[in-house]
PDB file of N, CA and C in Angstrom:
ATOM      1  N   MET A   1     -31.602  26.142  -7.096  1.00  0.00           N
ATOM      2  CA  MET A   1     -30.241  25.804  -7.439  1.00  0.00           C
ATOM      3  C   MET A   1     -29.476  25.300  -6.226  1.00  0.00           C
ATOM      4  N   SER A   2     -29.811  25.810  -5.052  1.00  0.00           N
ATOM      5  CA  SER A   2     -29.082  25.387  -3.859  1.00  0.00           C
ATOM      6  C   SER A   2     -29.418  23.938  -3.497  1.00  0.00           C
ATOM      7  N   LYS A   3     -30.631  23.482  -3.828  1.00  0.00           N
ATOM      8  CA  LYS A   3     -30.972  22.088  -3.547  1.00  0.00           C
ATOM      9  C   LYS A   3     -30.143  21.140  -4.394  1.00  0.00           C
ATOM     10  N   LEU A   4     -29.922  21.513  -5.646  1.00  0.00           N
ATOM     11  CA  LEU A   4     -29.084  20.701  -6.530  1.00  0.00           C
ATOM     12  C   LEU A   4     -27.654  20.656  -6.001  1.00  0.00           C
ATOM     13  N   LYS A   5     -27.161  21.803  -5.558  1.00  0.00           N
ATOM     14  CA  LYS A   5     -25.801  21.876  -5.006  1.00  0.00           C
ATOM     15  C   LYS A   5     -25.693  21.009  -3.752  1.00  0.00           C
ATOM     16  N   GLU A   6     -26.705  21.029  -2.907  1.00  0.00           N
ATOM     17  CA  GLU A   6     -26.703  20.206  -1.694  1.00  0.00           C
ATOM     18  C   GLU A   6     -26.701  18.724  -2.045  1.00  0.00           C
ATOM     19  N   LYS A   7     -27.477  18.328  -3.048  1.00  0.00           N
ATOM     20  CA  LYS A   7     -27.523  16.926  -3.475  1.00  0.00           C
ATOM     21  C   LYS A   7     -26.173  16.471  -4.014  1.00  0.00           C
ATOM     22  N   ILE A   8     -25.535  17.317  -4.825  1.00  0.00           N
ATOM     23  CA  ILE A   8     -24.230  16.966  -5.393  1.00  0.00           C
ATOM     24  C   ILE A   8     -23.183  16.876  -4.290  1.00  0.00           C
ATOM     25  N   LEU A   9     -23.191  17.810  -3.359  1.00  0.00           N
ATOM     26  CA  LEU A   9     -22.248  17.749  -2.244  1.00  0.00           C
ATOM     27  C   LEU A   9     -22.498  16.517  -1.379  1.00  0.00           C
ATOM     28  N   GLY A  10     -23.761  16.137  -1.218  1.00  0.00           N
ATOM     29  CA  GLY A  10     -24.093  14.923  -0.483  1.00  0.00           C
ATOM     30  C   GLY A  10     -23.561  13.679  -1.178  1.00  0.00           C
ATOM     31  N   LEU A  11     -23.659  13.653  -2.505  1.00  0.00           N
ATOM     32  CA  LEU A  11     -23.119  12.516  -3.262  1.00  0.00           C
ATOM     33  C   LEU A  11     -21.607  12.427  -3.119  1.00  0.00           C
ATOM     34  N   PHE A  12     -20.934  13.584  -3.151  1.00  0.00           N
ATOM     35  CA  PHE A  12     -19.478  13.586  -2.974  1.00  0.00           C
ATOM     36  C   PHE A  12     -19.095  13.101  -1.578  1.00  0.00           C
ATOM     37  N   GLU A  13     -19.863  13.452  -0.574  1.00  0.00           N
ATOM     38  CA  GLU A  13     -19.588  12.990   0.790  1.00  0.00           C
ATOM     39  C   GLU A  13     -19.755  11.468   0.889  1.00  0.00           C
ATOM     40  N   ILE A  14     -20.801  10.950   0.268  1.00  0.00           N
ATOM     41  CA  ILE A  14     -21.026   9.497   0.277  1.00  0.00           C
ATOM     42  C   ILE A  14     -19.893   8.789  -0.446  1.00  0.00           C
ATOM     43  N   LEU A  15     -19.470   9.319  -1.589  1.00  0.00           N
ATOM     44  CA  LEU A  15     -18.361   8.722  -2.329  1.00  0.00           C
ATOM     45  C   LEU A  15     -17.079   8.779  -1.519  1.00  0.00           C
ATOM     46  N   LYS A  16     -16.831   9.897  -0.851  1.00  0.00           N
ATOM     47  CA  LYS A  16     -15.624  10.047  -0.031  1.00  0.00           C
ATOM     48  C   LYS A  16     -15.613   9.027   1.111  1.00  0.00           C
ATOM     49  N   LYS A  17     -16.746   8.860   1.786  1.00  0.00           N
ATOM     50  CA  LYS A  17     -16.835   7.885   2.872  1.00  0.00           C
ATOM     51  C   LYS A  17     -16.661   6.459   2.357  1.00  0.00           C
ATOM     52  N   SER A  18     -17.207   6.175   1.178  1.00  0.00           N
ATOM     53  CA  SER A  18     -17.071   4.839   0.596  1.00  0.00           C
ATOM     54  C   SER A  18     -15.621   4.541   0.250  1.00  0.00           C
ATOM     55  N   ILE A  19     -14.927   5.521  -0.313  1.00  0.00           N
ATOM     56  CA  ILE A  19     -13.517   5.313  -0.647  1.00  0.00           C
ATOM     57  C   ILE A  19     -12.685   5.157   0.620  1.00  0.00           C
ATOM     58  N   GLU A  20     -13.011   5.894   1.671  1.00  0.00           N
ATOM     59  CA  GLU A  20     -12.292   5.730   2.942  1.00  0.00           C
ATOM     60  C   GLU A  20     -12.545   4.354   3.552  1.00  0.00           C
ATOM     61  N   LYS A  21     -13.748   3.839   3.372  1.00  0.00           N
ATOM     62  CA  LYS A  21     -14.109   2.554   3.969  1.00  0.00           C
ATOM     63  C   LYS A  21     -13.610   1.370   3.144  1.00  0.00           C
ATOM     64  N   PHE A  22     -13.641   1.483   1.810  1.00  0.00           N
ATOM     65  CA  PHE A  22     -13.267   0.381   0.924  1.00  0.00           C
ATOM     66  C   PHE A  22     -12.251   0.826  -0.139  1.00  0.00           C
ATOM     67  N   PRO A  23     -11.061   1.300   0.259  1.00  0.00           N
ATOM     68  CA  PRO A  23     -10.129   1.820  -0.751  1.00  0.00           C
ATOM     69  C   PRO A  23      -9.566   0.746  -1.682  1.00  0.00           C
ATOM     70  N   PHE A  24      -9.279  -0.447  -1.151  1.00  0.00           N
ATOM     71  CA  PHE A  24      -8.687  -1.490  -1.977  1.00  0.00           C
ATOM     72  C   PHE A  24      -9.702  -2.158  -2.888  1.00  0.00           C
ATOM     73  N   THR A  25     -10.958  -1.818  -2.745  1.00  0.00           N
ATOM     74  CA  THR A  25     -11.993  -2.323  -3.637  1.00  0.00           C
ATOM     75  C   THR A  25     -12.310  -1.303  -4.719  1.00  0.00           C
ATOM     76  N   ILE A  26     -12.492  -0.070  -4.346  1.00  0.00           N
ATOM     77  CA  ILE A  26     -12.960   0.949  -5.288  1.00  0.00           C
ATOM     78  C   ILE A  26     -11.845   1.441  -6.209  1.00  0.00           C
ATOM     79  N   ILE A  27     -10.655   1.641  -5.691  1.00  0.00           N
ATOM     80  CA  ILE A  27      -9.570   2.206  -6.497  1.00  0.00           C
ATOM     81  C   ILE A  27      -9.198   1.304  -7.679  1.00  0.00           C
ATOM     82  N   PRO A  28      -8.999  -0.023  -7.507  1.00  0.00           N
ATOM     83  CA  PRO A  28      -8.705  -0.844  -8.685  1.00  0.00           C
ATOM     84  C   PRO A  28      -9.842  -0.855  -9.713  1.00  0.00           C
ATOM     85  N   ILE A  29     -11.080  -0.791  -9.250  1.00  0.00           N
ATOM     86  CA  ILE A  29     -12.207  -0.766 -10.177  1.00  0.00           C
ATOM     87  C   ILE A  29     -12.210   0.540 -10.969  1.00  0.00           C
ATOM     88  N   LEU A  30     -11.899   1.661 -10.315  1.00  0.00           N
ATOM     89  CA  LEU A  30     -11.807   2.936 -11.029  1.00  0.00           C
ATOM     90  C   LEU A  30     -10.663   2.926 -12.036  1.00  0.00           C
ATOM     91  N   ILE A  31      -9.538   2.328 -11.663  1.00  0.00           N
ATOM     92  CA  ILE A  31      -8.401   2.221 -12.585  1.00  0.00           C
ATOM     93  C   ILE A  31      -8.780   1.396 -13.804  1.00  0.00           C
ATOM     94  N   LEU A  32      -9.454   0.273 -13.584  1.00  0.00           N
ATOM     95  CA  LEU A  32      -9.882  -0.574 -14.696  1.00  0.00           C
ATOM     96  C   LEU A  32     -10.868   0.166 -15.600  1.00  0.00           C
ATOM     97  N   THR A  33     -11.760   0.937 -15.011  1.00  0.00           N
ATOM     98  CA  THR A  33     -12.713   1.722 -15.799  1.00  0.00           C
ATOM     99  C   THR A  33     -11.993   2.732 -16.677  1.00  0.00           C
ATOM    100  N   ILE A  34     -10.992   3.395 -16.126  1.00  0.00           N
ATOM    101  CA  ILE A  34     -10.223   4.375 -16.909  1.00  0.00           C
ATOM    102  C   ILE A  34      -9.468   3.688 -18.041  1.00  0.00           C
ATOM    103  N   ILE A  35      -8.873   2.529 -17.754  1.00  0.00           N
ATOM    104  CA  ILE A  35      -8.145   1.796 -18.794  1.00  0.00           C
ATOM    105  C   ILE A  35      -9.094   1.389 -19.922  1.00  0.00           C
ATOM    106  N   TYR A  36     -10.275   0.892 -19.568  1.00  0.00           N
ATOM    107  CA  TYR A  36     -11.254   0.532 -20.594  1.00  0.00           C
ATOM    108  C   TYR A  36     -11.683   1.747 -21.402  1.00  0.00           C
ATOM    109  N   ALA A  37     -11.897   2.883 -20.749  1.00  0.00           N
ATOM    110  CA  ALA A  37     -12.322   4.089 -21.464  1.00  0.00           C
ATOM    111  C   ALA A  37     -11.244   4.571 -22.437  1.00  0.00           C
ATOM    112  N   ILE A  38      -9.990   4.511 -22.020  1.00  0.00           N
ATOM    113  CA  ILE A  38      -8.897   4.920 -22.903  1.00  0.00           C
ATOM    114  C   ILE A  38      -8.732   3.919 -24.036  1.00  0.00           C
ATOM    115  N   ASN A  39      -8.828   2.638 -23.723  1.00  0.00           N
ATOM    116  CA  ASN A  39      -8.617   1.603 -24.725  1.00  0.00           C
ATOM    117  C   ASN A  39      -9.786   1.507 -25.710  1.00  0.00           C
ATOM    118  N   LEU A  40     -10.918   2.085 -25.368  1.00  0.00           N
ATOM    119  CA  LEU A  40     -12.070   2.070 -26.269  1.00  0.00           C
ATOM    120  C   LEU A  40     -11.768   2.845 -27.543  1.00  0.00           C
ATOM    121  N   GLU A  41     -11.118   3.979 -27.414  1.00  0.00           N
ATOM    122  CA  GLU A  41     -10.773   4.798 -28.574  1.00  0.00           C
ATOM    123  C   GLU A  41      -9.480   4.334 -29.244  1.00  0.00           C
ATOM    124  N   ASN A  42      -8.472   4.092 -28.445  1.00  0.00           N
ATOM    125  CA  ASN A  42      -7.157   3.709 -28.977  1.00  0.00           C
ATOM    126  C   ASN A  42      -6.827   2.310 -28.494  1.00  0.00           C
ATOM    127  N   ASP A  43      -6.516   1.440 -29.391  1.00  0.00           N
ATOM    128  CA  ASP A  43      -6.150   0.078 -28.996  1.00  0.00           C
ATOM    129  C   ASP A  43      -4.659   0.035 -28.648  1.00  0.00           C
ATOM    130  N   PHE A  44      -4.320   0.636 -27.515  1.00  0.00           N
ATOM    131  CA  PHE A  44      -2.911   0.677 -27.131  1.00  0.00           C
ATOM    132  C   PHE A  44      -2.492  -0.579 -26.365  1.00  0.00           C
ATOM    133  N   LEU A  45      -3.454  -1.349 -25.861  1.00  0.00           N
ATOM    134  CA  LEU A  45      -3.150  -2.613 -25.196  1.00  0.00           C
ATOM    135  C   LEU A  45      -3.801  -3.751 -25.965  1.00  0.00           C
ATOM    136  N   SER A  46      -3.105  -4.877 -26.017  1.00  0.00           N
ATOM    137  CA  SER A  46      -3.676  -6.014 -26.740  1.00  0.00           C
ATOM    138  C   SER A  46      -4.849  -6.606 -25.955  1.00  0.00           C
ATOM    139  N   GLU A  47      -5.662  -7.359 -26.651  1.00  0.00           N
ATOM    140  CA  GLU A  47      -6.849  -7.942 -26.037  1.00  0.00           C
ATOM    141  C   GLU A  47      -6.478  -8.919 -24.919  1.00  0.00           C
ATOM    142  N   LYS A  48      -5.393  -9.630 -25.079  1.00  0.00           N
ATOM    143  CA  LYS A  48      -4.952 -10.599 -24.067  1.00  0.00           C
ATOM    144  C   LYS A  48      -4.524  -9.884 -22.778  1.00  0.00           C
ATOM    145  N   ILE A  49      -3.833  -8.763 -22.908  1.00  0.00           N
ATOM    146  CA  ILE A  49      -3.408  -8.003 -21.727  1.00  0.00           C
ATOM    147  C   ILE A  49      -4.624  -7.463 -20.991  1.00  0.00           C
ATOM    148  N   ILE A  50      -5.580  -6.923 -21.726  1.00  0.00           N
ATOM    149  CA  ILE A  50      -6.810  -6.403 -21.111  1.00  0.00           C
ATOM    150  C   ILE A  50      -7.560  -7.526 -20.407  1.00  0.00           C
ATOM    151  N   GLU A  51      -7.635  -8.687 -21.034  1.00  0.00           N
ATOM    152  CA  GLU A  51      -8.332  -9.830 -20.430  1.00  0.00           C
ATOM    153  C   GLU A  51      -7.658 -10.259 -19.126  1.00  0.00           C
ATOM    154  N   ASN A  52      -6.340 -10.363 -19.135  1.00  0.00           N
ATOM    155  CA  ASN A  52      -5.610 -10.755 -17.926  1.00  0.00           C
ATOM    156  C   ASN A  52      -5.727  -9.694 -16.828  1.00  0.00           C
ATOM    157  N   LEU A  53      -5.630  -8.439 -17.204  1.00  0.00           N
ATOM    158  CA  LEU A  53      -5.753  -7.348 -16.242  1.00  0.00           C
ATOM    159  C   LEU A  53      -7.148  -7.323 -15.624  1.00  0.00           C
ATOM    160  N   THR A  54      -8.157  -7.529 -16.444  1.00  0.00           N
ATOM    161  CA  THR A  54      -9.536  -7.557 -15.948  1.00  0.00           C
ATOM    162  C   THR A  54      -9.735  -8.698 -14.962  1.00  0.00           C
ATOM    163  N   MET A  55      -9.246  -9.873 -15.308  1.00  0.00           N
ATOM    164  CA  MET A  55      -9.400 -11.027 -14.423  1.00  0.00           C
ATOM    165  C   MET A  55      -8.697 -10.784 -13.090  1.00  0.00           C
ATOM    166  N   PHE A  56      -7.488 -10.226 -13.136  1.00  0.00           N
ATOM    167  CA  PHE A  56      -6.756  -9.942 -11.903  1.00  0.00           C
ATOM    168  C   PHE A  56      -7.508  -8.938 -11.033  1.00  0.00           C
ATOM    169  N   ILE A  57      -7.976  -7.848 -11.623  1.00  0.00           N
ATOM    170  CA  ILE A  57      -8.637  -6.805 -10.835  1.00  0.00           C
ATOM    171  C   ILE A  57      -9.960  -7.297 -10.270  1.00  0.00           C
ATOM    172  N   VAL A  58     -10.695  -8.096 -11.028  1.00  0.00           N
ATOM    173  CA  VAL A  58     -11.968  -8.617 -10.521  1.00  0.00           C
ATOM    174  C   VAL A  58     -11.728  -9.539  -9.326  1.00  0.00           C
ATOM    175  N   ILE A  59     -10.764 -10.433  -9.424  1.00  0.00           N
ATOM    176  CA  ILE A  59     -10.477 -11.348  -8.316  1.00  0.00           C
ATOM    177  C   ILE A  59      -9.898 -10.587  -7.124  1.00  0.00           C
ATOM    178  N   PHE A  60      -8.978  -9.662  -7.386  1.00  0.00           N
ATOM    179  CA  PHE A  60      -8.384  -8.870  -6.313  1.00  0.00           C
ATOM    180  C   PHE A  60      -9.437  -8.037  -5.595  1.00  0.00           C
ATOM    181  N   SER A  61     -10.304  -7.369  -6.357  1.00  0.00           N
ATOM    182  CA  SER A  61     -11.318  -6.502  -5.758  1.00  0.00           C
ATOM    183  C   SER A  61     -12.340  -7.300  -4.959  1.00  0.00           C
ATOM    184  N   SER A  62     -12.693  -8.481  -5.438  1.00  0.00           N
ATOM    185  CA  SER A  62     -13.640  -9.318  -4.694  1.00  0.00           C
ATOM    186  C   SER A  62     -13.057  -9.726  -3.347  1.00  0.00           C
ATOM    187  N   GLY A  63     -11.813 -10.174  -3.357  1.00  0.00           N
ATOM    188  CA  GLY A  63     -11.155 -10.543  -2.107  1.00  0.00           C
ATOM    189  C   GLY A  63     -10.959  -9.355  -1.186  1.00  0.00           C
ATOM    190  N   ALA A  64     -10.570  -8.231  -1.760  1.00  0.00           N
ATOM    191  CA  ALA A  64     -10.370  -7.020  -0.951  1.00  0.00           C
ATOM    192  C   ALA A  64     -11.675  -6.563  -0.322  1.00  0.00           C
ATOM    193  N   PHE A  65     -12.774  -6.667  -1.065  1.00  0.00           N
ATOM    194  CA  PHE A  65     -14.070  -6.272  -0.524  1.00  0.00           C
ATOM    195  C   PHE A  65     -14.446  -7.143   0.664  1.00  0.00           C
ATOM    196  N   LEU A  66     -14.240  -8.451   0.546  1.00  0.00           N
ATOM    197  CA  LEU A  66     -14.561  -9.347   1.655  1.00  0.00           C
ATOM    198  C   LEU A  66     -13.711  -9.032   2.886  1.00  0.00           C
ATOM    199  N   ILE A  67     -12.426  -8.806   2.681  1.00  0.00           N
ATOM    200  CA  ILE A  67     -11.537  -8.499   3.802  1.00  0.00           C
ATOM    201  C   ILE A  67     -11.896  -7.155   4.438  1.00  0.00           C
ATOM    202  N   GLU A  68     -12.153  -6.147   3.616  1.00  0.00           N
ATOM    203  CA  GLU A  68     -12.499  -4.827   4.155  1.00  0.00           C
ATOM    204  C   GLU A  68     -13.846  -4.854   4.878  1.00  0.00           C
ATOM    205  N   THR A  69     -14.776  -5.671   4.407  1.00  0.00           N
ATOM    206  CA  THR A  69     -16.072  -5.787   5.062  1.00  0.00           C
ATOM    207  C   THR A  69     -15.906  -6.437   6.434  1.00  0.00           C
ATOM    208  N   LEU A  70     -15.116  -7.508   6.502  1.00  0.00           N
ATOM    209  CA  LEU A  70     -14.880  -8.166   7.791  1.00  0.00           C
ATOM    210  C   LEU A  70     -14.136  -7.239   8.749  1.00  0.00           C
ATOM    211  N   LYS A  71     -13.176  -6.482   8.206  1.00  0.00           N
ATOM    212  CA  LYS A  71     -12.397  -5.550   9.037  1.00  0.00           C
ATOM    213  C   LYS A  71     -13.308  -4.454   9.605  1.00  0.00           C
ATOM    214  N   SER A  72     -14.213  -3.950   8.791  1.00  0.00           N
ATOM    215  CA  SER A  72     -15.073  -2.856   9.263  1.00  0.00           C
ATOM    216  C   SER A  72     -16.127  -3.338  10.248  1.00  0.00           C
ATOM    217  N   ARG A  73     -16.507  -4.591  10.195  1.00  0.00           N
ATOM    218  CA  ARG A  73     -17.499  -5.116  11.124  1.00  0.00           C
ATOM    219  C   ARG A  73     -16.898  -5.314  12.516  1.00  0.00           C
ATOM    220  N   LYS A  74     -15.592  -5.581  12.604  1.00  0.00           N
ATOM    221  CA  LYS A  74     -14.943  -5.811  13.891  1.00  0.00           C
ATOM    222  C   LYS A  74     -14.622  -4.514  14.615  1.00  0.00           C
ATOM    223  N   CYS A  75     -14.577  -3.411  13.901  1.00  0.00           N
ATOM    224  CA  CYS A  75     -14.230  -2.119  14.528  1.00  0.00           C
ATOM    225  C   CYS A  75     -15.345  -1.577  15.359  1.00  0.00           C
TER     226      CYS A  75
END
């Protein structure tokens, strides 16, 4: 059981380091995932709003990833 606990704690450490390194990439993607999960059951947002939001987050996250990658390489 302790090996499983060590593996899970290791995964949390990797996730924590990734979020610290790429916050402007991971956070919008997590937000979009939550919105999709909520909207799957309840159609509280129209399809056009979801489409526009998805396009914005995908473009924003791609640009943020490139900028954060360049920033981390210079440090």
